[in-house]
PDB file of N, CA and C in Angstrom:
ATOM      1  N   MET A   1       0.850  -1.167   0.000  1.00  0.00           N
ATOM      2  CA  MET A   1       0.000   0.000   0.000  1.00  0.00           C
ATOM      3  C   MET A   1       0.899   1.234   0.000  1.00  0.00           C
ATOM      4  N   LYS A   2       0.526   2.177  -0.815  1.00  0.00           N
ATOM      5  CA  LYS A   2       1.298   3.416  -0.898  1.00  0.00           C
ATOM      6  C   LYS A   2       0.963   4.322   0.286  1.00  0.00           C
ATOM      7  N   LEU A   3       1.944   5.118   0.686  1.00  0.00           N
ATOM      8  CA  LEU A   3       1.808   5.982   1.854  1.00  0.00           C
ATOM      9  C   LEU A   3       0.650   6.960   1.708  1.00  0.00           C
ATOM     10  N   ASP A   4       0.460   7.547   0.525  1.00  0.00           N
ATOM     11  CA  ASP A   4      -0.627   8.513   0.362  1.00  0.00           C
ATOM     12  C   ASP A   4      -1.994   7.841   0.509  1.00  0.00           C
ATOM     13  N   ARG A   5      -2.109   6.583   0.078  1.00  0.00           N
ATOM     14  CA  ARG A   5      -3.371   5.851   0.247  1.00  0.00           C
ATOM     15  C   ARG A   5      -3.632   5.568   1.725  1.00  0.00           C
ATOM     16  N   LEU A   6      -2.597   5.201   2.470  1.00  0.00           N
ATOM     17  CA  LEU A   6      -2.737   4.963   3.906  1.00  0.00           C
ATOM     18  C   LEU A   6      -3.167   6.234   4.621  1.00  0.00           C
ATOM     19  N   GLU A   7      -2.560   7.360   4.279  1.00  0.00           N
ATOM     20  CA  GLU A   7      -2.947   8.637   4.890  1.00  0.00           C
ATOM     21  C   GLU A   7      -4.405   8.967   4.594  1.00  0.00           C
ATOM     22  N   GLN A   8      -4.831   8.693   3.381  1.00  0.00           N
ATOM     23  CA  GLN A   8      -6.217   8.930   2.981  1.00  0.00           C
ATOM     24  C   GLN A   8      -7.176   8.083   3.832  1.00  0.00           C
ATOM     25  N   ILE A   9      -6.850   6.827   4.018  1.00  0.00           N
ATOM     26  CA  ILE A   9      -7.688   5.922   4.816  1.00  0.00           C
ATOM     27  C   ILE A   9      -7.763   6.403   6.260  1.00  0.00           C
ATOM     28  N   LEU A  10      -6.629   6.781   6.839  1.00  0.00           N
ATOM     29  CA  LEU A  10      -6.606   7.221   8.234  1.00  0.00           C
ATOM     30  C   LEU A  10      -7.361   8.529   8.421  1.00  0.00           C
ATOM     31  N   GLU A  11      -7.299   9.424   7.452  1.00  0.00           N
ATOM     32  CA  GLU A  11      -8.053  10.680   7.545  1.00  0.00           C
ATOM     33  C   GLU A  11      -9.553  10.402   7.542  1.00  0.00           C
ATOM     34  N   ARG A  12     -10.012   9.490   6.700  1.00  0.00           N
ATOM     35  CA  ARG A  12     -11.431   9.148   6.641  1.00  0.00           C
ATOM     36  C   ARG A  12     -11.860   8.398   7.899  1.00  0.00           C
ATOM     37  N   ALA A  13     -10.973   7.591   8.467  1.00  0.00           N
ATOM     38  CA  ALA A  13     -11.321   6.808   9.659  1.00  0.00           C
ATOM     39  C   ALA A  13     -11.586   7.701  10.858  1.00  0.00           C
ATOM     40  N   ALA A  14     -10.963   8.871  10.894  1.00  0.00           N
ATOM     41  CA  ALA A  14     -11.130   9.777  12.034  1.00  0.00           C
ATOM     42  C   ALA A  14     -12.574  10.239  12.204  1.00  0.00           C
ATOM     43  N   SER A  15     -13.360  10.223  11.122  1.00  0.00           N
ATOM     44  CA  SER A  15     -14.748  10.678  11.211  1.00  0.00           C
ATOM     45  C   SER A  15     -15.751   9.520  11.256  1.00  0.00           C
ATOM     46  N   ARG A  16     -15.281   8.302  11.390  1.00  0.00           N
ATOM     47  CA  ARG A  16     -16.156   7.124  11.387  1.00  0.00           C
ATOM     48  C   ARG A  16     -16.350   6.577  12.798  1.00  0.00           C
ATOM     49  N   ARG A  17     -17.509   5.956  13.008  1.00  0.00           N
ATOM     50  CA  ARG A  17     -17.751   5.244  14.262  1.00  0.00           C
ATOM     51  C   ARG A  17     -17.356   3.790  14.046  1.00  0.00           C
ATOM     52  N   ILE A  18     -16.776   3.183  15.047  1.00  0.00           N
ATOM     53  CA  ILE A  18     -16.282   1.818  14.927  1.00  0.00           C
ATOM     54  C   ILE A  18     -16.934   0.952  15.998  1.00  0.00           C
ATOM     55  N   THR A  19     -17.389  -0.223  15.586  1.00  0.00           N
ATOM     56  CA  THR A  19     -17.912  -1.212  16.527  1.00  0.00           C
ATOM     57  C   THR A  19     -16.954  -2.388  16.536  1.00  0.00           C
ATOM     58  N   VAL A  20     -16.599  -2.838  17.719  1.00  0.00           N
ATOM     59  CA  VAL A  20     -15.669  -3.955  17.846  1.00  0.00           C
ATOM     60  C   VAL A  20     -16.401  -5.140  18.450  1.00  0.00           C
ATOM     61  N   ILE A  21     -16.321  -6.257  17.774  1.00  0.00           N
ATOM     62  CA  ILE A  21     -16.897  -7.494  18.286  1.00  0.00           C
ATOM     63  C   ILE A  21     -15.755  -8.502  18.363  1.00  0.00           C
ATOM     64  N   GLY A  22     -15.541  -9.039  19.532  1.00  0.00           N
ATOM     65  CA  GLY A  22     -14.458 -10.008  19.660  1.00  0.00           C
ATOM     66  C   GLY A  22     -14.179 -10.330  21.116  1.00  0.00           C
ATOM     67  N   ASP A  23     -13.190 -11.155  21.310  1.00  0.00           N
ATOM     68  CA  ASP A  23     -12.803 -11.586  22.645  1.00  0.00           C
ATOM     69  C   ASP A  23     -11.860 -10.578  23.287  1.00  0.00           C
ATOM     70  N   LEU A  24     -12.054 -10.362  24.570  1.00  0.00           N
ATOM     71  CA  LEU A  24     -11.117  -9.544  25.336  1.00  0.00           C
ATOM     72  C   LEU A  24     -10.073 -10.484  25.917  1.00  0.00           C
ATOM     73  N   MET A  25      -8.821 -10.126  25.750  1.00  0.00           N
ATOM     74  CA  MET A  25      -7.720 -10.950  26.250  1.00  0.00           C
ATOM     75  C   MET A  25      -6.740 -10.081  27.011  1.00  0.00           C
ATOM     76  N   LEU A  26      -5.934 -10.708  27.796  1.00  0.00           N
ATOM     77  CA  LEU A  26      -4.853 -10.019  28.491  1.00  0.00           C
ATOM     78  C   LEU A  26      -3.550 -10.664  28.053  1.00  0.00           C
ATOM     79  N   ASP A  27      -2.699  -9.894  27.367  1.00  0.00           N
ATOM     80  CA  ASP A  27      -1.405 -10.406  26.910  1.00  0.00           C
ATOM     81  C   ASP A  27      -0.398 -10.259  28.039  1.00  0.00           C
ATOM     82  N   GLU A  28       0.346 -11.311  28.285  1.00  0.00           N
ATOM     83  CA  GLU A  28       1.376 -11.295  29.323  1.00  0.00           C
ATOM     84  C   GLU A  28       2.736 -11.470  28.667  1.00  0.00           C
ATOM     85  N   PHE A  29       3.672 -10.592  29.020  1.00  0.00           N
ATOM     86  CA  PHE A  29       5.034 -10.680  28.535  1.00  0.00           C
ATOM     87  C   PHE A  29       5.939 -10.948  29.729  1.00  0.00           C
ATOM     88  N   VAL A  30       6.782 -11.947  29.603  1.00  0.00           N
ATOM     89  CA  VAL A  30       7.726 -12.302  30.664  1.00  0.00           C
ATOM     90  C   VAL A  30       9.108 -11.890  30.185  1.00  0.00           C
ATOM     91  N   TRP A  31       9.782 -11.091  30.985  1.00  0.00           N
ATOM     92  CA  TRP A  31      11.102 -10.578  30.645  1.00  0.00           C
ATOM     93  C   TRP A  31      12.149 -11.283  31.495  1.00  0.00           C
ATOM     94  N   GLY A  32      13.313 -11.517  30.917  1.00  0.00           N
ATOM     95  CA  GLY A  32      14.370 -12.139  31.690  1.00  0.00           C
ATOM     96  C   GLY A  32      15.623 -12.373  30.884  1.00  0.00           C
ATOM     97  N   LYS A  33      16.546 -13.101  31.510  1.00  0.00           N
ATOM     98  CA  LYS A  33      17.825 -13.418  30.886  1.00  0.00           C
ATOM     99  C   LYS A  33      17.929 -14.925  30.733  1.00  0.00           C
ATOM    100  N   VAL A  34      18.423 -15.356  29.599  1.00  0.00           N
ATOM    101  CA  VAL A  34      18.631 -16.782  29.367  1.00  0.00           C
ATOM    102  C   VAL A  34      19.994 -17.149  29.936  1.00  0.00           C
ATOM    103  N   GLY A  35      19.962 -18.059  30.898  1.00  0.00           N
ATOM    104  CA  GLY A  35      21.209 -18.475  31.527  1.00  0.00           C
ATOM    105  C   GLY A  35      21.819 -19.709  30.884  1.00  0.00           C
ATOM    106  N   ARG A  36      20.948 -20.585  30.361  1.00  0.00           N
ATOM    107  CA  ARG A  36      21.443 -21.821  29.756  1.00  0.00           C
ATOM    108  C   ARG A  36      20.321 -22.456  28.940  1.00  0.00           C
ATOM    109  N   ILE A  37      20.659 -23.504  28.212  1.00  0.00           N
ATOM    110  CA  ILE A  37      19.684 -24.280  27.461  1.00  0.00           C
ATOM    111  C   ILE A  37      19.407 -25.550  28.265  1.00  0.00           C
ATOM    112  N   SER A  38      18.149 -25.909  28.410  1.00  0.00           N
ATOM    113  CA  SER A  38      17.754 -27.079  29.185  1.00  0.00           C
ATOM    114  C   SER A  38      18.346 -28.355  28.577  1.00  0.00           C
ATOM    115  N   PRO A  39      18.872 -29.247  29.416  1.00  0.00           N
ATOM    116  CA  PRO A  39      19.410 -30.513  28.897  1.00  0.00           C
ATOM    117  C   PRO A  39      18.296 -31.487  28.467  1.00  0.00           C
ATOM    118  N   GLU A  40      17.076 -31.320  28.981  1.00  0.00           N
ATOM    119  CA  GLU A  40      15.978 -32.219  28.647  1.00  0.00           C
ATOM    120  C   GLU A  40      15.364 -31.912  27.284  1.00  0.00           C
ATOM    121  N   ALA A  41      15.406 -30.659  26.882  1.00  0.00           N
ATOM    122  CA  ALA A  41      14.828 -30.243  25.611  1.00  0.00           C
ATOM    123  C   ALA A  41      15.566 -28.986  25.144  1.00  0.00           C
ATOM    124  N   PRO A  42      15.564 -28.733  23.861  1.00  0.00           N
ATOM    125  CA  PRO A  42      16.288 -27.539  23.369  1.00  0.00           C
ATOM    126  C   PRO A  42      15.491 -26.254  23.581  1.00  0.00           C
ATOM    127  N   VAL A  43      15.295 -25.914  24.852  1.00  0.00           N
ATOM    128  CA  VAL A  43      14.577 -24.686  25.197  1.00  0.00           C
ATOM    129  C   VAL A  43      15.422 -23.879  26.175  1.00  0.00           C
ATOM    130  N   PRO A  44      15.323 -22.551  26.102  1.00  0.00           N
ATOM    131  CA  PRO A  44      16.093 -21.728  27.024  1.00  0.00           C
ATOM    132  C   PRO A  44      15.504 -21.756  28.442  1.00  0.00           C
ATOM    133  N   VAL A  45      16.374 -21.721  29.426  1.00  0.00           N
ATOM    134  CA  VAL A  45      15.967 -21.587  30.826  1.00  0.00           C
ATOM    135  C   VAL A  45      16.115 -20.107  31.159  1.00  0.00           C
ATOM    136  N   VAL A  46      14.996 -19.480  31.509  1.00  0.00           N
ATOM    137  CA  VAL A  46      14.976 -18.030  31.682  1.00  0.00           C
ATOM    138  C   VAL A  46      14.930 -17.657  33.157  1.00  0.00           C
ATOM    139  N   GLU A  47      15.788 -16.720  33.542  1.00  0.00           N
ATOM    140  CA  GLU A  47      15.732 -16.129  34.873  1.00  0.00           C
ATOM    141  C   GLU A  47      14.839 -14.894  34.734  1.00  0.00           C
ATOM    142  N   VAL A  48      13.618 -14.984  35.265  1.00  0.00           N
ATOM    143  CA  VAL A  48      12.616 -13.929  35.089  1.00  0.00           C
ATOM    144  C   VAL A  48      13.014 -12.689  35.879  1.00  0.00           C
ATOM    145  N   THR A  49      13.004 -11.549  35.174  1.00  0.00           N
ATOM    146  CA  THR A  49      13.322 -10.267  35.822  1.00  0.00           C
ATOM    147  C   THR A  49      12.114  -9.346  35.870  1.00  0.00           C
ATOM    148  N   GLY A  50      11.059  -9.673  35.127  1.00  0.00           N
ATOM    149  CA  GLY A  50       9.872  -8.826  35.152  1.00  0.00           C
ATOM    150  C   GLY A  50       8.746  -9.380  34.304  1.00  0.00           C
ATOM    151  N   GLU A  51       7.569  -8.816  34.514  1.00  0.00           N
ATOM    152  CA  GLU A  51       6.394  -9.193  33.747  1.00  0.00           C
ATOM    153  C   GLU A  51       5.640  -7.925  33.360  1.00  0.00           C
ATOM    154  N   SER A  52       4.994  -7.963  32.194  1.00  0.00           N
ATOM    155  CA  SER A  52       4.158  -6.858  31.731  1.00  0.00           C
ATOM    156  C   SER A  52       2.830  -7.429  31.258  1.00  0.00           C
ATOM    157  N   PHE A  53       1.757  -6.674  31.474  1.00  0.00           N
ATOM    158  CA  PHE A  53       0.430  -7.089  31.048  1.00  0.00           C
ATOM    159  C   PHE A  53      -0.183  -5.974  30.206  1.00  0.00           C
ATOM    160  N   TYR A  54      -0.727  -6.329  29.056  1.00  0.00           N
ATOM    161  CA  TYR A  54      -1.338  -5.365  28.147  1.00  0.00           C
ATOM    162  C   TYR A  54      -2.645  -5.925  27.612  1.00  0.00           C
ATOM    163  N   PRO A  55      -3.603  -5.049  27.266  1.00  0.00           N
ATOM    164  CA  PRO A  55      -4.837  -5.547  26.668  1.00  0.00           C
ATOM    165  C   PRO A  55      -4.542  -6.190  25.313  1.00  0.00           C
ATOM    166  N   GLY A  56      -5.227  -7.296  25.048  1.00  0.00           N
ATOM    167  CA  GLY A  56      -5.032  -7.994  23.782  1.00  0.00           C
ATOM    168  C   GLY A  56      -6.366  -8.296  23.128  1.00  0.00           C
ATOM    169  N   GLY A  57      -6.320  -8.865  21.945  1.00  0.00           N
ATOM    170  CA  GLY A  57      -7.538  -9.180  21.209  1.00  0.00           C
ATOM    171  C   GLY A  57      -8.345  -7.914  20.952  1.00  0.00           C
ATOM    172  N   ALA A  58      -9.658  -8.006  21.138  1.00  0.00           N
ATOM    173  CA  ALA A  58     -10.532  -6.863  20.905  1.00  0.00           C
ATOM    174  C   ALA A  58     -10.276  -5.742  21.916  1.00  0.00           C
ATOM    175  N   ALA A  59      -9.707  -6.057  23.059  1.00  0.00           N
ATOM    176  CA  ALA A  59      -9.415  -5.034  24.070  1.00  0.00           C
ATOM    177  C   ALA A  59      -8.297  -4.098  23.616  1.00  0.00           C
ATOM    178  N   ASN A  60      -7.527  -4.496  22.615  1.00  0.00           N
ATOM    179  CA  ASN A  60      -6.431  -3.691  22.104  1.00  0.00           C
ATOM    180  C   ASN A  60      -6.908  -2.602  21.141  1.00  0.00           C
ATOM    181  N   VAL A  61      -8.104  -2.747  20.598  1.00  0.00           N
ATOM    182  CA  VAL A  61      -8.601  -1.835  19.558  1.00  0.00           C
ATOM    183  C   VAL A  61      -8.717  -0.387  20.034  1.00  0.00           C
ATOM    184  N   PRO A  62      -9.303  -0.097  21.196  1.00  0.00           N
ATOM    185  CA  PRO A  62      -9.403   1.311  21.612  1.00  0.00           C
ATOM    186  C   PRO A  62      -8.047   2.018  21.705  1.00  0.00           C
ATOM    187  N   GLY A  63      -7.051   1.335  22.224  1.00  0.00           N
ATOM    188  CA  GLY A  63      -5.720   1.942  22.318  1.00  0.00           C
ATOM    189  C   GLY A  63      -5.110   2.195  20.956  1.00  0.00           C
ATOM    190  N   THR A  64      -5.322   1.261  20.040  1.00  0.00           N
ATOM    191  CA  THR A  64      -4.815   1.429  18.680  1.00  0.00           C
ATOM    192  C   THR A  64      -5.507   2.598  17.999  1.00  0.00           C
ATOM    193  N   CYS A  65      -6.829   2.702  18.171  1.00  0.00           N
ATOM    194  CA  CYS A  65      -7.573   3.825  17.583  1.00  0.00           C
ATOM    195  C   CYS A  65      -7.053   5.151  18.124  1.00  0.00           C
ATOM    196  N   GLU A  66      -6.818   5.199  19.418  1.00  0.00           N
ATOM    197  CA  GLU A  66      -6.308   6.429  20.029  1.00  0.00           C
ATOM    198  C   GLU A  66      -4.940   6.788  19.465  1.00  0.00           C
ATOM    199  N   ASN A  67      -4.068   5.795  19.308  1.00  0.00           N
ATOM    200  CA  ASN A  67      -2.730   6.054  18.750  1.00  0.00           C
ATOM    201  C   ASN A  67      -2.795   6.547  17.314  1.00  0.00           C
ATOM    202  N   LEU A  68      -3.847   6.157  16.587  1.00  0.00           N
ATOM    203  CA  LEU A  68      -4.016   6.595  15.202  1.00  0.00           C
ATOM    204  C   LEU A  68      -4.883   7.845  15.103  1.00  0.00           C
ATOM    205  N   SER A  69      -5.209   8.459  16.244  1.00  0.00           N
ATOM    206  CA  SER A  69      -6.048   9.660  16.316  1.00  0.00           C
ATOM    207  C   SER A  69      -7.439   9.441  15.740  1.00  0.00           C
ATOM    208  N   ILE A  70      -7.976   8.236  15.955  1.00  0.00           N
ATOM    209  CA  ILE A  70      -9.337   7.919  15.528  1.00  0.00           C
ATOM    210  C   ILE A  70     -10.215   8.066  16.752  1.00  0.00           C
ATOM    211  N   ALA A  71     -11.304   8.833  16.629  1.00  0.00           N
ATOM    212  CA  ALA A  71     -12.197   9.073  17.768  1.00  0.00           C
ATOM    213  C   ALA A  71     -12.791   7.769  18.258  1.00  0.00           C
ATOM    214  N   TRP A  72     -12.820   7.599  19.563  1.00  0.00           N
ATOM    215  CA  TRP A  72     -13.367   6.405  20.192  1.00  0.00           C
ATOM    216  C   TRP A  72     -14.490   6.859  21.128  1.00  0.00           C
ATOM    217  N   PRO A  73     -15.654   6.210  21.049  1.00  0.00           N
ATOM    218  CA  PRO A  73     -16.803   6.684  21.868  1.00  0.00           C
ATOM    219  C   PRO A  73     -16.519   6.699  23.349  1.00  0.00           C
TER     220      PRO A  73
END
């Protein structure tokens, strides 16, 4: 998609109402350092240093609309 076409779509989206139908999810991200590879399977063993939680699925749509400057009811 060309940049001017994308800009055109986003400008028109700002004046539209949007209905979202879908599942609300919570995405979890686990942060850490890999210390070694497990001897039982080729997977990393992670020393967890933090966790983050963000809205996912249909719950992510309002935040995305806001970031794109699309009005949200």
